[in-house]
Amino acid sequence: MDTPTRLYLIRHGEVEERYHRVFGGRIDMELSPLGHEQARTTAEYLRAVRFDAIFASPMKRAQQTAAPLLAQYPFAPTVLEDLREVDFGAWTGLTWQQVHEQFQTSAHDWLHELEKAAIPGAESAAQYRARIEPCVRRILHEGAGRHIAVVCHGGVIRMMLAILLELPLPKMAAFDVEYGSVTVVHHQPRRVAVQLHNFTPWRDGA
């Protein structure tokens, strides 16, 4: 049997308070003090895993989250530009309430709106998938049979899961992806299994 590729999908920590409940997307925000603590706790939790490679989004919030984990390793991360968060177009910088008021749409339905290409100026789900899927294929190819960390964003993790599980993106609304969370997927050519989902070491105990 093929040795599975073990993917550890890590969402960045909590962001600056002014961006809470805001569609940040392409805004290159930083972590809050709690976000930095979440990053440290997550790195400590993952100390027992010996990663063969670490991939990361270029955005500040992901880089700051990756830093405590990278401090445990002698190698640099592989930064993939296309692992950045989805572009929300006209929703960028708006609060959930503002989206409701200006577009008569519930912010909770953002995955469905991406699927319908209904957010003005935003990436559609098809465009988003076309950007993320090559990253997934590269990570699986370069990390075949090894332990791989991917530090990125909630939207990216949902799209990666949609690709790996061969499900439509709106189905990922059922998957919570919290700040500082870890989701573990074992990938084999004919079998994909989610071994751990949305585990938050900073809340649940490392």
N, C-alpha and C. Protein backbone atom coordinates (compact mmCIF):
# COMPACT_ATOMS: atom_id res chain seq x y z
N MET A 1 0.84 -1.20 0.00
CA MET A 1 0.00 0.00 0.00
C MET A 1 0.88 1.25 0.00
N ASP A 2 0.47 2.23 -0.78
CA ASP A 2 1.23 3.48 -0.85
C ASP A 2 1.22 4.18 0.50
N THR A 3 2.38 4.73 0.88
CA THR A 3 2.45 5.54 2.09
C THR A 3 1.68 6.83 1.85
N PRO A 4 0.74 7.18 2.73
CA PRO A 4 -0.03 8.40 2.49
C PRO A 4 0.82 9.66 2.64
N THR A 5 0.45 10.67 1.89
CA THR A 5 0.99 12.00 2.11
C THR A 5 0.15 12.63 3.21
N ARG A 6 0.79 13.08 4.27
CA ARG A 6 0.07 13.64 5.41
C ARG A 6 0.11 15.16 5.34
N LEU A 7 -1.01 15.75 5.04
CA LEU A 7 -1.12 17.20 4.89
C LEU A 7 -1.67 17.81 6.17
N TYR A 8 -0.96 18.76 6.72
CA TYR A 8 -1.42 19.50 7.89
C TYR A 8 -1.78 20.90 7.41
N LEU A 9 -3.07 21.15 7.32
CA LEU A 9 -3.56 22.44 6.81
C LEU A 9 -3.80 23.36 8.00
N ILE A 10 -3.01 24.42 8.09
CA ILE A 10 -2.99 25.29 9.27
C ILE A 10 -3.52 26.67 8.87
N ARG A 11 -4.61 27.08 9.52
CA ARG A 11 -5.09 28.43 9.25
C ARG A 11 -4.34 29.42 10.13
N HIS A 12 -4.10 30.59 9.59
CA HIS A 12 -3.42 31.64 10.35
C HIS A 12 -4.20 32.00 11.62
N GLY A 13 -3.52 32.64 12.56
CA GLY A 13 -4.14 33.06 13.80
C GLY A 13 -5.06 34.25 13.62
N GLU A 14 -5.67 34.61 14.72
CA GLU A 14 -6.61 35.75 14.71
C GLU A 14 -5.92 37.00 14.18
N VAL A 15 -6.67 37.78 13.37
CA VAL A 15 -6.12 38.99 12.78
C VAL A 15 -6.43 40.21 13.66
N GLU A 16 -5.85 41.34 13.23
CA GLU A 16 -6.07 42.60 13.95
C GLU A 16 -7.56 42.84 14.19
N GLU A 17 -7.88 43.42 15.33
CA GLU A 17 -9.28 43.59 15.73
C GLU A 17 -10.10 44.36 14.70
N ARG A 18 -9.50 45.34 14.05
CA ARG A 18 -10.27 46.15 13.10
C ARG A 18 -10.76 45.35 11.89
N TYR A 19 -10.23 44.15 11.70
CA TYR A 19 -10.66 43.31 10.59
C TYR A 19 -11.55 42.14 11.02
N HIS A 20 -11.99 42.13 12.27
CA HIS A 20 -12.88 41.07 12.72
C HIS A 20 -14.23 41.20 12.02
N ARG A 21 -14.77 40.08 11.56
CA ARG A 21 -16.06 40.04 10.86
C ARG A 21 -16.06 40.98 9.64
N VAL A 22 -14.91 41.04 9.01
CA VAL A 22 -14.72 41.83 7.80
C VAL A 22 -14.23 40.88 6.70
N PHE A 23 -14.66 41.10 5.48
CA PHE A 23 -14.14 40.31 4.35
C PHE A 23 -12.78 40.87 3.97
N GLY A 24 -11.75 40.30 4.57
CA GLY A 24 -10.39 40.78 4.39
C GLY A 24 -9.78 40.37 3.07
N GLY A 25 -9.88 39.08 2.77
CA GLY A 25 -9.38 38.59 1.49
C GLY A 25 -7.98 39.04 1.18
N ARG A 26 -7.85 39.91 0.18
CA ARG A 26 -6.54 40.33 -0.32
C ARG A 26 -5.88 41.39 0.57
N ILE A 27 -6.58 41.92 1.60
CA ILE A 27 -5.97 42.90 2.50
C ILE A 27 -4.85 42.21 3.28
N ASP A 28 -3.66 42.79 3.26
CA ASP A 28 -2.50 42.12 3.86
C ASP A 28 -2.37 42.53 5.33
N MET A 29 -3.30 42.09 6.14
CA MET A 29 -3.36 42.44 7.56
C MET A 29 -2.39 41.60 8.39
N GLU A 30 -2.20 42.02 9.63
CA GLU A 30 -1.31 41.31 10.54
C GLU A 30 -2.12 40.57 11.60
N LEU A 31 -1.42 39.77 12.40
CA LEU A 31 -2.06 39.06 13.50
C LEU A 31 -2.30 39.99 14.68
N SER A 32 -3.32 39.66 15.46
CA SER A 32 -3.56 40.33 16.74
C SER A 32 -2.63 39.71 17.78
N PRO A 33 -2.53 40.29 18.99
CA PRO A 33 -1.75 39.64 20.05
C PRO A 33 -2.21 38.20 20.30
N LEU A 34 -3.54 37.99 20.30
CA LEU A 34 -4.04 36.63 20.48
C LEU A 34 -3.61 35.75 19.31
N GLY A 35 -3.62 36.31 18.10
CA GLY A 35 -3.20 35.55 16.93
C GLY A 35 -1.77 35.07 17.04
N HIS A 36 -0.89 35.92 17.56
CA HIS A 36 0.50 35.50 17.77
C HIS A 36 0.59 34.38 18.80
N GLU A 37 -0.23 34.47 19.84
CA GLU A 37 -0.24 33.41 20.86
C GLU A 37 -0.78 32.12 20.27
N GLN A 38 -1.80 32.21 19.44
CA GLN A 38 -2.33 31.02 18.77
C GLN A 38 -1.25 30.37 17.90
N ALA A 39 -0.47 31.19 17.20
CA ALA A 39 0.60 30.67 16.35
C ALA A 39 1.63 29.92 17.18
N ARG A 40 1.99 30.48 18.33
CA ARG A 40 2.97 29.81 19.20
C ARG A 40 2.42 28.50 19.75
N THR A 41 1.16 28.51 20.16
CA THR A 41 0.55 27.30 20.73
C THR A 41 0.42 26.21 19.67
N THR A 42 0.03 26.61 18.47
CA THR A 42 -0.10 25.64 17.39
C THR A 42 1.26 25.04 17.04
N ALA A 43 2.29 25.86 16.99
CA ALA A 43 3.64 25.36 16.71
C ALA A 43 4.09 24.38 17.79
N GLU A 44 3.78 24.68 19.04
CA GLU A 44 4.14 23.78 20.14
C GLU A 44 3.40 22.46 20.02
N TYR A 45 2.13 22.52 19.67
CA TYR A 45 1.33 21.31 19.48
C TYR A 45 1.93 20.44 18.37
N LEU A 46 2.42 21.07 17.32
CA LEU A 46 2.96 20.34 16.17
C LEU A 46 4.41 19.94 16.32
N ARG A 47 5.00 20.24 17.49
CA ARG A 47 6.41 19.90 17.71
C ARG A 47 6.65 18.40 17.57
N ALA A 48 5.66 17.59 17.89
CA ALA A 48 5.82 16.13 17.83
C ALA A 48 5.86 15.61 16.39
N VAL A 49 5.43 16.45 15.45
CA VAL A 49 5.45 16.06 14.03
C VAL A 49 6.73 16.57 13.40
N ARG A 50 7.40 15.74 12.66
CA ARG A 50 8.60 16.18 11.96
C ARG A 50 8.25 16.41 10.49
N PHE A 51 8.09 17.67 10.15
CA PHE A 51 7.69 18.01 8.79
C PHE A 51 8.88 17.93 7.84
N ASP A 52 8.59 17.41 6.66
CA ASP A 52 9.61 17.33 5.62
C ASP A 52 9.65 18.60 4.78
N ALA A 53 8.54 19.33 4.78
CA ALA A 53 8.47 20.60 4.04
C ALA A 53 7.33 21.43 4.61
N ILE A 54 7.45 22.73 4.48
CA ILE A 54 6.41 23.65 4.92
C ILE A 54 6.12 24.61 3.77
N PHE A 55 4.88 24.64 3.35
CA PHE A 55 4.42 25.57 2.32
C PHE A 55 3.62 26.67 3.00
N ALA A 56 3.66 27.87 2.43
CA ALA A 56 2.96 28.97 3.07
C ALA A 56 2.49 30.00 2.05
N SER A 57 1.40 30.66 2.42
CA SER A 57 0.92 31.85 1.69
C SER A 57 1.92 32.98 1.92
N PRO A 58 2.02 33.90 0.96
CA PRO A 58 2.93 35.04 1.15
C PRO A 58 2.36 36.13 2.04
N MET A 59 1.08 36.05 2.42
CA MET A 59 0.45 37.14 3.15
C MET A 59 0.96 37.20 4.59
N LYS A 60 1.00 38.41 5.15
CA LYS A 60 1.60 38.64 6.47
C LYS A 60 1.01 37.74 7.54
N ARG A 61 -0.30 37.61 7.56
CA ARG A 61 -0.93 36.83 8.62
C ARG A 61 -0.52 35.36 8.58
N ALA A 62 -0.29 34.84 7.38
CA ALA A 62 0.18 33.46 7.27
C ALA A 62 1.66 33.35 7.61
N GLN A 63 2.45 34.31 7.15
CA GLN A 63 3.88 34.30 7.45
C GLN A 63 4.14 34.43 8.95
N GLN A 64 3.38 35.28 9.62
CA GLN A 64 3.55 35.44 11.07
C GLN A 64 3.12 34.18 11.81
N THR A 65 2.11 33.49 11.29
CA THR A 65 1.68 32.24 11.91
C THR A 65 2.71 31.14 11.70
N ALA A 66 3.34 31.13 10.55
CA ALA A 66 4.34 30.10 10.24
C ALA A 66 5.63 30.28 11.02
N ALA A 67 5.93 31.51 11.44
CA ALA A 67 7.25 31.81 12.03
C ALA A 67 7.60 30.93 13.23
N PRO A 68 6.73 30.73 14.24
CA PRO A 68 7.11 29.88 15.37
C PRO A 68 7.34 28.42 14.96
N LEU A 69 6.60 27.96 13.97
CA LEU A 69 6.80 26.60 13.48
C LEU A 69 8.13 26.48 12.74
N LEU A 70 8.43 27.46 11.91
CA LEU A 70 9.68 27.43 11.15
C LEU A 70 10.91 27.54 12.03
N ALA A 71 10.73 28.15 13.21
CA ALA A 71 11.87 28.28 14.13
C ALA A 71 12.38 26.91 14.59
N GLN A 72 11.58 25.88 14.39
CA GLN A 72 11.97 24.52 14.80
C GLN A 72 12.73 23.78 13.70
N TYR A 73 12.88 24.41 12.52
CA TYR A 73 13.44 23.71 11.37
C TYR A 73 14.60 24.49 10.74
N PRO A 74 15.53 23.76 10.13
CA PRO A 74 16.67 24.43 9.51
C PRO A 74 16.41 24.90 8.09
N PHE A 75 15.21 24.61 7.56
CA PHE A 75 14.94 24.99 6.17
C PHE A 75 13.91 26.11 6.10
N ALA A 76 13.91 26.77 4.96
CA ALA A 76 12.96 27.86 4.71
C ALA A 76 11.66 27.28 4.15
N PRO A 77 10.56 28.01 4.30
CA PRO A 77 9.31 27.53 3.72
C PRO A 77 9.31 27.72 2.21
N THR A 78 8.46 26.99 1.55
CA THR A 78 8.19 27.23 0.13
C THR A 78 6.97 28.14 0.08
N VAL A 79 7.19 29.37 -0.32
CA VAL A 79 6.10 30.35 -0.37
C VAL A 79 5.48 30.30 -1.77
N LEU A 80 4.20 29.99 -1.82
CA LEU A 80 3.48 29.93 -3.09
C LEU A 80 2.54 31.13 -3.18
N GLU A 81 2.79 31.97 -4.13
CA GLU A 81 2.00 33.20 -4.29
C GLU A 81 0.51 32.88 -4.42
N ASP A 82 0.18 31.79 -5.06
CA ASP A 82 -1.22 31.47 -5.31
C ASP A 82 -1.95 30.87 -4.10
N LEU A 83 -1.26 30.72 -2.98
CA LEU A 83 -1.92 30.30 -1.75
C LEU A 83 -2.54 31.48 -1.00
N ARG A 84 -2.47 32.69 -1.57
CA ARG A 84 -3.09 33.84 -0.91
C ARG A 84 -4.61 33.65 -0.85
N GLU A 85 -5.24 34.42 0.02
CA GLU A 85 -6.68 34.28 0.23
C GLU A 85 -7.47 34.74 -0.99
N VAL A 86 -8.73 34.31 -1.07
CA VAL A 86 -9.60 34.67 -2.18
C VAL A 86 -9.79 36.18 -2.25
N ASP A 87 -9.94 36.68 -3.46
CA ASP A 87 -10.22 38.09 -3.69
C ASP A 87 -11.74 38.28 -3.66
N PHE A 88 -12.22 39.04 -2.67
CA PHE A 88 -13.66 39.25 -2.51
C PHE A 88 -14.20 40.43 -3.32
N GLY A 89 -13.38 41.03 -4.15
CA GLY A 89 -13.87 42.09 -5.02
C GLY A 89 -14.52 43.21 -4.24
N ALA A 90 -15.77 43.53 -4.60
CA ALA A 90 -16.48 44.65 -3.99
C ALA A 90 -16.79 44.44 -2.51
N TRP A 91 -16.71 43.21 -2.04
CA TRP A 91 -16.95 42.95 -0.61
C TRP A 91 -15.70 43.22 0.23
N THR A 92 -14.56 43.38 -0.39
CA THR A 92 -13.31 43.54 0.36
C THR A 92 -13.38 44.76 1.28
N GLY A 93 -13.07 44.52 2.55
CA GLY A 93 -13.06 45.59 3.54
C GLY A 93 -14.41 45.87 4.17
N LEU A 94 -15.47 45.21 3.69
CA LEU A 94 -16.81 45.41 4.25
C LEU A 94 -17.06 44.45 5.41
N THR A 95 -17.84 44.92 6.38
CA THR A 95 -18.26 44.04 7.46
C THR A 95 -19.39 43.14 6.95
N TRP A 96 -19.70 42.12 7.74
CA TRP A 96 -20.80 41.23 7.37
C TRP A 96 -22.11 42.02 7.25
N GLN A 97 -22.32 42.96 8.18
CA GLN A 97 -23.54 43.76 8.16
C GLN A 97 -23.60 44.65 6.92
N GLN A 98 -22.46 45.23 6.56
CA GLN A 98 -22.41 46.09 5.37
C GLN A 98 -22.71 45.30 4.10
N VAL A 99 -22.22 44.07 4.03
CA VAL A 99 -22.52 43.22 2.87
C VAL A 99 -24.03 42.98 2.78
N HIS A 100 -24.65 42.71 3.92
CA HIS A 100 -26.09 42.49 3.94
C HIS A 100 -26.84 43.75 3.49
N GLU A 101 -26.41 44.90 3.98
CA GLU A 101 -27.10 46.15 3.66
C GLU A 101 -26.90 46.57 2.21
N GLN A 102 -25.68 46.39 1.69
CA GLN A 102 -25.38 46.88 0.35
C GLN A 102 -25.73 45.90 -0.77
N PHE A 103 -25.71 44.59 -0.45
CA PHE A 103 -25.91 43.58 -1.50
C PHE A 103 -27.11 42.66 -1.22
N GLN A 104 -27.82 42.91 -0.10
CA GLN A 104 -28.99 42.09 0.28
C GLN A 104 -28.64 40.60 0.26
N THR A 105 -27.46 40.31 0.78
CA THR A 105 -26.94 38.94 0.81
C THR A 105 -26.39 38.64 2.20
N SER A 106 -26.66 37.45 2.69
CA SER A 106 -26.08 37.05 3.97
C SER A 106 -24.61 36.73 3.78
N ALA A 107 -23.77 37.26 4.65
CA ALA A 107 -22.34 36.97 4.59
C ALA A 107 -22.06 35.49 4.75
N HIS A 108 -22.96 34.77 5.41
CA HIS A 108 -22.78 33.33 5.61
C HIS A 108 -22.84 32.56 4.28
N ASP A 109 -23.39 33.19 3.26
CA ASP A 109 -23.56 32.51 1.98
C ASP A 109 -22.42 32.78 1.00
N TRP A 110 -21.26 33.21 1.52
CA TRP A 110 -20.20 33.66 0.61
C TRP A 110 -19.70 32.56 -0.32
N LEU A 111 -19.69 31.32 0.13
CA LEU A 111 -19.23 30.24 -0.75
C LEU A 111 -20.20 30.05 -1.92
N HIS A 112 -21.49 30.14 -1.64
CA HIS A 112 -22.49 30.02 -2.70
C HIS A 112 -22.38 31.20 -3.66
N GLU A 113 -22.12 32.39 -3.13
CA GLU A 113 -21.98 33.57 -3.99
C GLU A 113 -20.75 33.46 -4.90
N LEU A 114 -19.66 32.90 -4.37
CA LEU A 114 -18.49 32.67 -5.22
C LEU A 114 -18.82 31.65 -6.30
N GLU A 115 -19.55 30.61 -5.93
CA GLU A 115 -19.91 29.55 -6.88
C GLU A 115 -20.74 30.13 -8.03
N LYS A 116 -21.59 31.09 -7.72
CA LYS A 116 -22.45 31.71 -8.74
C LYS A 116 -21.75 32.87 -9.45
N ALA A 117 -20.52 33.18 -9.05
CA ALA A 117 -19.80 34.34 -9.59
C ALA A 117 -20.64 35.60 -9.43
N ALA A 118 -21.26 35.74 -8.24
CA ALA A 118 -22.23 36.80 -8.00
C ALA A 118 -21.68 37.99 -7.22
N ILE A 119 -20.41 37.92 -6.79
CA ILE A 119 -19.82 39.03 -6.05
C ILE A 119 -19.09 39.93 -7.04
N PRO A 120 -19.50 41.18 -7.18
CA PRO A 120 -18.88 42.05 -8.19
C PRO A 120 -17.36 42.18 -7.99
N GLY A 121 -16.63 41.91 -9.05
CA GLY A 121 -15.18 42.08 -9.04
C GLY A 121 -14.41 41.00 -8.32
N ALA A 122 -15.10 40.02 -7.76
CA ALA A 122 -14.42 38.96 -7.01
C ALA A 122 -14.00 37.81 -7.92
N GLU A 123 -13.10 36.98 -7.40
CA GLU A 123 -12.82 35.72 -8.08
C GLU A 123 -14.06 34.85 -8.03
N SER A 124 -14.38 34.18 -9.09
CA SER A 124 -15.42 33.16 -9.04
C SER A 124 -14.83 31.90 -8.44
N ALA A 125 -15.69 30.97 -8.07
CA ALA A 125 -15.21 29.71 -7.54
C ALA A 125 -14.33 28.99 -8.57
N ALA A 126 -14.72 29.10 -9.85
CA ALA A 126 -13.93 28.44 -10.91
C ALA A 126 -12.55 29.08 -11.02
N GLN A 127 -12.48 30.40 -10.96
CA GLN A 127 -11.19 31.08 -11.02
C GLN A 127 -10.35 30.77 -9.79
N TYR A 128 -10.99 30.73 -8.66
CA TYR A 128 -10.29 30.43 -7.41
C TYR A 128 -9.72 29.01 -7.45
N ARG A 129 -10.53 28.07 -7.89
CA ARG A 129 -10.06 26.69 -8.01
C ARG A 129 -8.89 26.59 -8.98
N ALA A 130 -8.98 27.31 -10.10
CA ALA A 130 -7.91 27.26 -11.10
C ALA A 130 -6.60 27.80 -10.54
N ARG A 131 -6.68 28.67 -9.53
CA ARG A 131 -5.48 29.20 -8.89
C ARG A 131 -4.93 28.25 -7.83
N ILE A 132 -5.83 27.65 -7.05
CA ILE A 132 -5.40 26.81 -5.92
C ILE A 132 -5.02 25.39 -6.35
N GLU A 133 -5.71 24.85 -7.34
CA GLU A 133 -5.48 23.45 -7.70
C GLU A 133 -4.03 23.16 -8.11
N PRO A 134 -3.37 24.00 -8.89
CA PRO A 134 -1.95 23.72 -9.18
C PRO A 134 -1.09 23.70 -7.93
N CYS A 135 -1.43 24.51 -6.93
CA CYS A 135 -0.69 24.47 -5.66
C CYS A 135 -0.87 23.12 -4.99
N VAL A 136 -2.10 22.63 -4.98
CA VAL A 136 -2.38 21.32 -4.38
C VAL A 136 -1.59 20.23 -5.09
N ARG A 137 -1.61 20.26 -6.41
CA ARG A 137 -0.91 19.23 -7.19
C ARG A 137 0.60 19.30 -6.93
N ARG A 138 1.14 20.50 -6.85
CA ARG A 138 2.57 20.64 -6.58
C ARG A 138 2.92 20.11 -5.19
N ILE A 139 2.12 20.48 -4.21
CA ILE A 139 2.38 20.03 -2.84
C ILE A 139 2.32 18.51 -2.75
N LEU A 140 1.32 17.91 -3.40
CA LEU A 140 1.20 16.45 -3.36
C LEU A 140 2.36 15.79 -4.10
N HIS A 141 2.80 16.40 -5.20
CA HIS A 141 3.91 15.82 -5.96
C HIS A 141 5.23 15.91 -5.20
N GLU A 142 5.52 17.10 -4.69
CA GLU A 142 6.80 17.29 -4.00
C GLU A 142 6.82 16.64 -2.62
N GLY A 143 5.63 16.48 -2.03
CA GLY A 143 5.56 15.93 -0.68
C GLY A 143 5.09 14.50 -0.61
N ALA A 144 5.09 13.80 -1.73
CA ALA A 144 4.52 12.45 -1.78
C ALA A 144 5.09 11.54 -0.69
N GLY A 145 4.20 10.98 0.10
CA GLY A 145 4.59 10.04 1.14
C GLY A 145 5.22 10.69 2.36
N ARG A 146 5.14 12.01 2.47
CA ARG A 146 5.83 12.70 3.57
C ARG A 146 4.85 13.53 4.41
N HIS A 147 5.39 14.15 5.45
CA HIS A 147 4.61 15.03 6.32
C HIS A 147 4.80 16.47 5.84
N ILE A 148 3.70 17.12 5.47
CA ILE A 148 3.76 18.45 4.87
C ILE A 148 2.84 19.40 5.62
N ALA A 149 3.34 20.56 5.98
CA ALA A 149 2.53 21.62 6.58
C ALA A 149 2.20 22.66 5.51
N VAL A 150 0.97 23.14 5.55
CA VAL A 150 0.56 24.21 4.64
C VAL A 150 -0.09 25.30 5.51
N VAL A 151 0.55 26.45 5.61
CA VAL A 151 0.05 27.55 6.44
C VAL A 151 -0.61 28.57 5.52
N CYS A 152 -1.91 28.73 5.68
CA CYS A 152 -2.62 29.58 4.72
C CYS A 152 -3.87 30.18 5.34
N HIS A 153 -4.99 30.13 4.63
CA HIS A 153 -6.19 30.89 4.98
C HIS A 153 -7.42 29.98 5.02
N GLY A 154 -8.46 30.48 5.69
CA GLY A 154 -9.68 29.69 5.80
C GLY A 154 -10.28 29.35 4.45
N GLY A 155 -10.36 30.33 3.56
CA GLY A 155 -10.90 30.08 2.24
C GLY A 155 -10.05 29.12 1.43
N VAL A 156 -8.74 29.24 1.56
CA VAL A 156 -7.82 28.34 0.84
C VAL A 156 -7.98 26.91 1.35
N ILE A 157 -8.08 26.74 2.66
CA ILE A 157 -8.25 25.39 3.22
C ILE A 157 -9.55 24.78 2.73
N ARG A 158 -10.62 25.57 2.69
CA ARG A 158 -11.89 25.04 2.18
C ARG A 158 -11.77 24.63 0.71
N MET A 159 -11.08 25.44 -0.08
CA MET A 159 -10.91 25.08 -1.49
C MET A 159 -10.03 23.85 -1.63
N MET A 160 -8.98 23.75 -0.83
CA MET A 160 -8.12 22.56 -0.88
C MET A 160 -8.92 21.31 -0.52
N LEU A 161 -9.77 21.40 0.49
CA LEU A 161 -10.60 20.26 0.87
C LEU A 161 -11.58 19.91 -0.24
N ALA A 162 -12.15 20.91 -0.88
CA ALA A 162 -13.07 20.66 -1.99
C ALA A 162 -12.36 19.90 -3.11
N ILE A 163 -11.12 20.30 -3.40
CA ILE A 163 -10.34 19.63 -4.44
C ILE A 163 -9.98 18.21 -4.02
N LEU A 164 -9.47 18.06 -2.81
CA LEU A 164 -9.02 16.74 -2.35
C LEU A 164 -10.17 15.75 -2.21
N LEU A 165 -11.32 16.24 -1.74
CA LEU A 165 -12.47 15.37 -1.50
C LEU A 165 -13.40 15.30 -2.70
N GLU A 166 -13.06 16.06 -3.75
CA GLU A 166 -13.86 16.09 -4.98
C GLU A 166 -15.30 16.47 -4.69
N LEU A 167 -15.46 17.59 -3.99
CA LEU A 167 -16.77 18.10 -3.63
C LEU A 167 -16.92 19.54 -4.13
N PRO A 168 -18.15 19.99 -4.38
CA PRO A 168 -18.36 21.39 -4.77
C PRO A 168 -17.98 22.32 -3.63
N LEU A 169 -17.46 23.49 -3.95
CA LEU A 169 -17.03 24.43 -2.92
C LEU A 169 -18.13 24.77 -1.92
N PRO A 170 -19.39 25.01 -2.33
CA PRO A 170 -20.42 25.34 -1.34
C PRO A 170 -20.60 24.29 -0.26
N LYS A 171 -20.28 23.04 -0.55
CA LYS A 171 -20.38 21.97 0.46
C LYS A 171 -19.43 22.23 1.63
N MET A 172 -18.38 23.03 1.38
CA MET A 172 -17.40 23.29 2.43
C MET A 172 -17.92 24.24 3.50
N ALA A 173 -19.14 24.77 3.31
CA ALA A 173 -19.75 25.59 4.35
C ALA A 173 -19.96 24.77 5.62
N ALA A 174 -20.01 23.45 5.48
CA ALA A 174 -20.19 22.57 6.64
C ALA A 174 -18.90 22.37 7.42
N PHE A 175 -17.78 22.83 6.88
CA PHE A 175 -16.47 22.66 7.51
C PHE A 175 -16.06 23.96 8.20
N ASP A 176 -16.09 24.00 9.52
CA ASP A 176 -15.55 25.15 10.23
C ASP A 176 -14.03 25.14 10.09
N VAL A 177 -13.45 26.32 9.89
CA VAL A 177 -11.99 26.46 9.83
C VAL A 177 -11.65 27.69 10.67
N GLU A 178 -11.36 27.49 11.93
CA GLU A 178 -11.16 28.60 12.85
C GLU A 178 -9.71 29.11 12.81
N TYR A 179 -9.54 30.30 13.38
CA TYR A 179 -8.20 30.84 13.51
C TYR A 179 -7.30 29.86 14.26
N GLY A 180 -6.08 29.68 13.77
CA GLY A 180 -5.11 28.85 14.46
C GLY A 180 -5.45 27.38 14.49
N SER A 181 -6.33 26.95 13.59
CA SER A 181 -6.76 25.54 13.60
C SER A 181 -5.87 24.67 12.72
N VAL A 182 -5.93 23.37 13.01
CA VAL A 182 -5.17 22.37 12.26
C VAL A 182 -6.15 21.34 11.71
N THR A 183 -6.07 21.08 10.42
CA THR A 183 -6.85 20.03 9.77
C THR A 183 -5.86 19.08 9.09
N VAL A 184 -5.99 17.80 9.36
CA VAL A 184 -5.04 16.82 8.84
C VAL A 184 -5.73 15.91 7.82
N VAL A 185 -5.13 15.83 6.64
CA VAL A 185 -5.66 14.99 5.57
C VAL A 185 -4.59 14.00 5.14
N HIS A 186 -4.96 12.72 5.07
CA HIS A 186 -4.07 11.70 4.53
C HIS A 186 -4.48 11.44 3.08
N HIS A 187 -3.53 11.62 2.17
CA HIS A 187 -3.82 11.49 0.75
C HIS A 187 -3.07 10.31 0.15
N GLN A 188 -3.82 9.44 -0.50
CA GLN A 188 -3.26 8.35 -1.30
C GLN A 188 -3.92 8.40 -2.67
N PRO A 189 -3.32 7.77 -3.68
CA PRO A 189 -3.87 7.87 -5.03
C PRO A 189 -5.35 7.50 -5.14
N ARG A 190 -5.80 6.54 -4.36
CA ARG A 190 -7.19 6.10 -4.47
C ARG A 190 -7.97 6.30 -3.18
N ARG A 191 -7.41 7.05 -2.25
CA ARG A 191 -8.11 7.23 -0.97
C ARG A 191 -7.66 8.53 -0.32
N VAL A 192 -8.63 9.31 0.10
CA VAL A 192 -8.36 10.54 0.84
C VAL A 192 -9.19 10.51 2.12
N ALA A 193 -8.55 10.75 3.25
CA ALA A 193 -9.24 10.68 4.54
C ALA A 193 -8.89 11.90 5.38
N VAL A 194 -9.91 12.54 5.92
CA VAL A 194 -9.70 13.63 6.87
C VAL A 194 -9.52 13.00 8.25
N GLN A 195 -8.30 13.08 8.78
CA GLN A 195 -7.97 12.45 10.05
C GLN A 195 -8.27 13.35 11.25
N LEU A 196 -8.21 14.64 11.04
CA LEU A 196 -8.43 15.62 12.12
C LEU A 196 -8.97 16.87 11.46
N HIS A 197 -10.01 17.43 12.06
CA HIS A 197 -10.62 18.61 11.44
C HIS A 197 -10.78 19.75 12.43
N ASN A 198 -10.25 20.91 12.06
CA ASN A 198 -10.47 22.15 12.81
C ASN A 198 -10.09 22.02 14.29
N PHE A 199 -8.99 21.34 14.55
CA PHE A 199 -8.51 21.24 15.93
C PHE A 199 -7.79 22.54 16.29
N THR A 200 -8.17 23.13 17.42
CA THR A 200 -7.59 24.40 17.85
C THR A 200 -6.78 24.17 19.12
N PRO A 201 -5.48 23.98 18.99
CA PRO A 201 -4.64 23.70 20.17
C PRO A 201 -4.74 24.77 21.25
N TRP A 202 -4.90 26.03 20.84
CA TRP A 202 -4.96 27.14 21.80
C TRP A 202 -6.22 27.08 22.64
N ARG A 203 -7.27 26.40 22.15
CA ARG A 203 -8.50 26.28 22.90
C ARG A 203 -8.67 24.89 23.52
N ASP A 204 -8.33 23.87 22.73
CA ASP A 204 -8.60 22.49 23.12
C ASP A 204 -7.46 21.85 23.92
N GLY A 205 -6.34 22.56 24.01
CA GLY A 205 -5.21 22.01 24.75
C GLY A 205 -4.23 21.32 23.84
N ALA A 206 -2.95 21.71 23.93
CA ALA A 206 -1.95 21.17 23.02
C ALA A 206 -1.54 19.77 23.44
